[in-house]
């Protein structure tokens, strides 16, 4: 895992689940050599989503991880931090 002065650097990014114009959901990266994956793939980090109509998927988890020191990567720069194309990086089985 990438670290800076002994601190593990974990990343978050808001990416579309189904193409560039789709709804963005929170994606996580726990190591620099791993692809971005939906937050739901990391049960150890997630908290239940807020029950707000039209609310962002992963917003509650984002707030928790931001407070825990995770780094937010701008969506436009996500590919700079991933070894794979984000649209093909995983298969969501939910």
C-alpha atoms as a PDB file:
ATOM      1  CA  UNK A   1       0.000   0.000   0.000  1.00  0.00           C
ATOM      2  CA  UNK A   2       1.270   3.446  -0.870  1.00  0.00           C
ATOM      3  CA  UNK A   3       2.469   5.318   2.162  1.00  0.00           C
ATOM      4  CA  UNK A   4       3.877   8.687   2.973  1.00  0.00           C
ATOM      5  CA  UNK A   5       5.927   8.971   6.150  1.00  0.00           C
ATOM      6  CA  UNK A   6       4.453   5.702   7.411  1.00  0.00           C
ATOM      7  CA  UNK A   7       0.827   6.672   6.731  1.00  0.00           C
ATOM      8  CA  UNK A   8      -1.137   4.438   4.354  1.00  0.00           C
ATOM      9  CA  UNK A   9      -2.712   6.388   1.520  1.00  0.00           C
ATOM     10  CA  UNK A  10      -6.134   5.130   0.548  1.00  0.00           C
ATOM     11  CA  UNK A  11      -8.119   6.858  -2.148  1.00  0.00           C
ATOM     12  CA  UNK A  12     -11.747   7.654  -2.967  1.00  0.00           C
ATOM     13  CA  UNK A  13     -13.249   8.846  -6.234  1.00  0.00           C
ATOM     14  CA  UNK A  14     -16.735   9.479  -7.621  1.00  0.00           C
ATOM     15  CA  UNK A  15     -17.024   7.441 -10.820  1.00  0.00           C
ATOM     16  CA  UNK A  16     -19.863   6.473 -13.094  1.00  0.00           C
ATOM     17  CA  UNK A  17     -20.988   2.896 -12.754  1.00  0.00           C
ATOM     18  CA  UNK A  18     -22.220   2.606 -16.346  1.00  0.00           C
ATOM     19  CA  UNK A  19     -20.310   4.857 -18.708  1.00  0.00           C
ATOM     20  CA  UNK A  20     -19.406   8.512 -18.604  1.00  0.00           C
ATOM     21  CA  UNK A  21     -22.939   9.878 -18.287  1.00  0.00           C
ATOM     22  CA  UNK A  22     -24.212   7.456 -15.674  1.00  0.00           C
ATOM     23  CA  UNK A  23     -24.893   8.150 -12.032  1.00  0.00           C
ATOM     24  CA  UNK A  24     -21.654   8.500 -10.076  1.00  0.00           C
ATOM     25  CA  UNK A  25     -21.084   6.336  -7.031  1.00  0.00           C
ATOM     26  CA  UNK A  26     -18.189   6.207  -4.599  1.00  0.00           C
ATOM     27  CA  UNK A  27     -15.260   4.041  -5.668  1.00  0.00           C
ATOM     28  CA  UNK A  28     -12.309   3.069  -3.482  1.00  0.00           C
ATOM     29  CA  UNK A  29      -8.700   2.118  -4.046  1.00  0.00           C
ATOM     30  CA  UNK A  30      -6.814   0.538  -1.155  1.00  0.00           C
ATOM     31  CA  UNK A  31      -3.465   0.062  -2.927  1.00  0.00           C
ATOM     32  CA  UNK A  32      -1.820   1.784  -5.902  1.00  0.00           C
ATOM     33  CA  UNK A  33      -1.674  -1.408  -7.977  1.00  0.00           C
ATOM     34  CA  UNK A  34      -5.399  -2.113  -7.554  1.00  0.00           C
ATOM     35  CA  UNK A  35      -8.211  -0.854  -9.785  1.00  0.00           C
ATOM     36  CA  UNK A  36     -10.996   1.404  -8.562  1.00  0.00           C
ATOM     37  CA  UNK A  37     -13.858  -0.661  -7.159  1.00  0.00           C
ATOM     38  CA  UNK A  38     -17.323   0.352  -5.941  1.00  0.00           C
ATOM     39  CA  UNK A  39     -17.496   1.094  -2.239  1.00  0.00           C
ATOM     40  CA  UNK A  40     -19.931  -1.819  -1.822  1.00  0.00           C
ATOM     41  CA  UNK A  41     -17.042  -4.214  -2.543  1.00  0.00           C
ATOM     42  CA  UNK A  42     -15.396  -3.138   0.727  1.00  0.00           C
ATOM     43  CA  UNK A  43     -17.767  -4.244   3.469  1.00  0.00           C
ATOM     44  CA  UNK A  44     -15.136  -3.466   6.103  1.00  0.00           C
ATOM     45  CA  UNK A  45     -15.258   0.247   5.240  1.00  0.00           C
ATOM     46  CA  UNK A  46     -18.882   0.895   4.276  1.00  0.00           C
ATOM     47  CA  UNK A  47     -21.694   2.286   6.359  1.00  0.00           C
ATOM     48  CA  UNK A  48     -25.376   2.218   5.331  1.00  0.00           C
ATOM     49  CA  UNK A  49     -26.428   4.776   2.736  1.00  0.00           C
ATOM     50  CA  UNK A  50     -28.706   7.595   3.809  1.00  0.00           C
ATOM     51  CA  UNK A  51     -32.323   6.938   2.878  1.00  0.00           C
ATOM     52  CA  UNK A  52     -32.735  10.144   0.876  1.00  0.00           C
ATOM     53  CA  UNK A  53     -34.492   9.979  -2.523  1.00  0.00           C
ATOM     54  CA  UNK A  54     -31.936  10.829  -5.212  1.00  0.00           C
ATOM     55  CA  UNK A  55     -29.076  10.804  -2.700  1.00  0.00           C
ATOM     56  CA  UNK A  56     -25.549   9.886  -3.777  1.00  0.00           C
ATOM     57  CA  UNK A  57     -24.635   6.227  -3.386  1.00  0.00           C
ATOM     58  CA  UNK A  58     -21.769   6.091  -0.938  1.00  0.00           C
ATOM     59  CA  UNK A  59     -22.145   9.561   0.589  1.00  0.00           C
ATOM     60  CA  UNK A  60     -22.257   8.272   4.178  1.00  0.00           C
ATOM     61  CA  UNK A  61     -19.220   6.081   3.529  1.00  0.00           C
ATOM     62  CA  UNK A  62     -17.414   9.023   1.903  1.00  0.00           C
ATOM     63  CA  UNK A  63     -17.978  11.140   5.020  1.00  0.00           C
ATOM     64  CA  UNK A  64     -16.685   8.376   7.293  1.00  0.00           C
ATOM     65  CA  UNK A  65     -13.566   7.701   5.200  1.00  0.00           C
ATOM     66  CA  UNK A  66     -12.766  11.382   4.725  1.00  0.00           C
ATOM     67  CA  UNK A  67     -12.695  11.791   8.507  1.00  0.00           C
ATOM     68  CA  UNK A  68     -10.464   8.707   8.708  1.00  0.00           C
ATOM     69  CA  UNK A  69      -7.867  10.345   6.453  1.00  0.00           C
ATOM     70  CA  UNK A  70      -8.671   8.908   3.028  1.00  0.00           C
ATOM     71  CA  UNK A  71      -7.731  11.045   0.013  1.00  0.00           C
ATOM     72  CA  UNK A  72     -10.319  12.227  -2.523  1.00  0.00           C
ATOM     73  CA  UNK A  73      -9.150  12.030  -6.147  1.00  0.00           C
ATOM     74  CA  UNK A  74     -10.980  14.212  -8.719  1.00  0.00           C
ATOM     75  CA  UNK A  75     -13.005  12.074 -11.144  1.00  0.00           C
ATOM     76  CA  UNK A  76     -11.132  13.532 -14.117  1.00  0.00           C
ATOM     77  CA  UNK A  77      -7.837  12.223 -12.694  1.00  0.00           C
ATOM     78  CA  UNK A  78      -8.969   8.720 -11.683  1.00  0.00           C
ATOM     79  CA  UNK A  79      -7.127   6.976 -14.529  1.00  0.00           C
ATOM     80  CA  UNK A  80      -3.842   8.434 -13.324  1.00  0.00           C
ATOM     81  CA  UNK A  81      -4.214   6.347 -10.161  1.00  0.00           C
ATOM     82  CA  UNK A  82      -5.339   3.059 -11.678  1.00  0.00           C
ATOM     83  CA  UNK A  83      -3.448   0.356 -13.567  1.00  0.00           C
ATOM     84  CA  UNK A  84      -6.609  -0.556 -15.511  1.00  0.00           C
ATOM     85  CA  UNK A  85      -9.381   1.235 -17.370  1.00  0.00           C
ATOM     86  CA  UNK A  86     -11.950   2.036 -14.660  1.00  0.00           C
ATOM     87  CA  UNK A  87     -14.905   0.938 -16.793  1.00  0.00           C
ATOM     88  CA  UNK A  88     -13.458  -2.589 -17.136  1.00  0.00           C
ATOM     89  CA  UNK A  89     -11.737  -2.853 -13.769  1.00  0.00           C
ATOM     90  CA  UNK A  90     -14.363  -4.939 -12.007  1.00  0.00           C
ATOM     91  CA  UNK A  91     -17.532  -6.910 -12.369  1.00  0.00           C
ATOM     92  CA  UNK A  92     -20.242  -5.721 -10.005  1.00  0.00           C
ATOM     93  CA  UNK A  93     -22.193  -8.751  -8.821  1.00  0.00           C
ATOM     94  CA  UNK A  94     -24.829  -6.914  -6.815  1.00  0.00           C
END
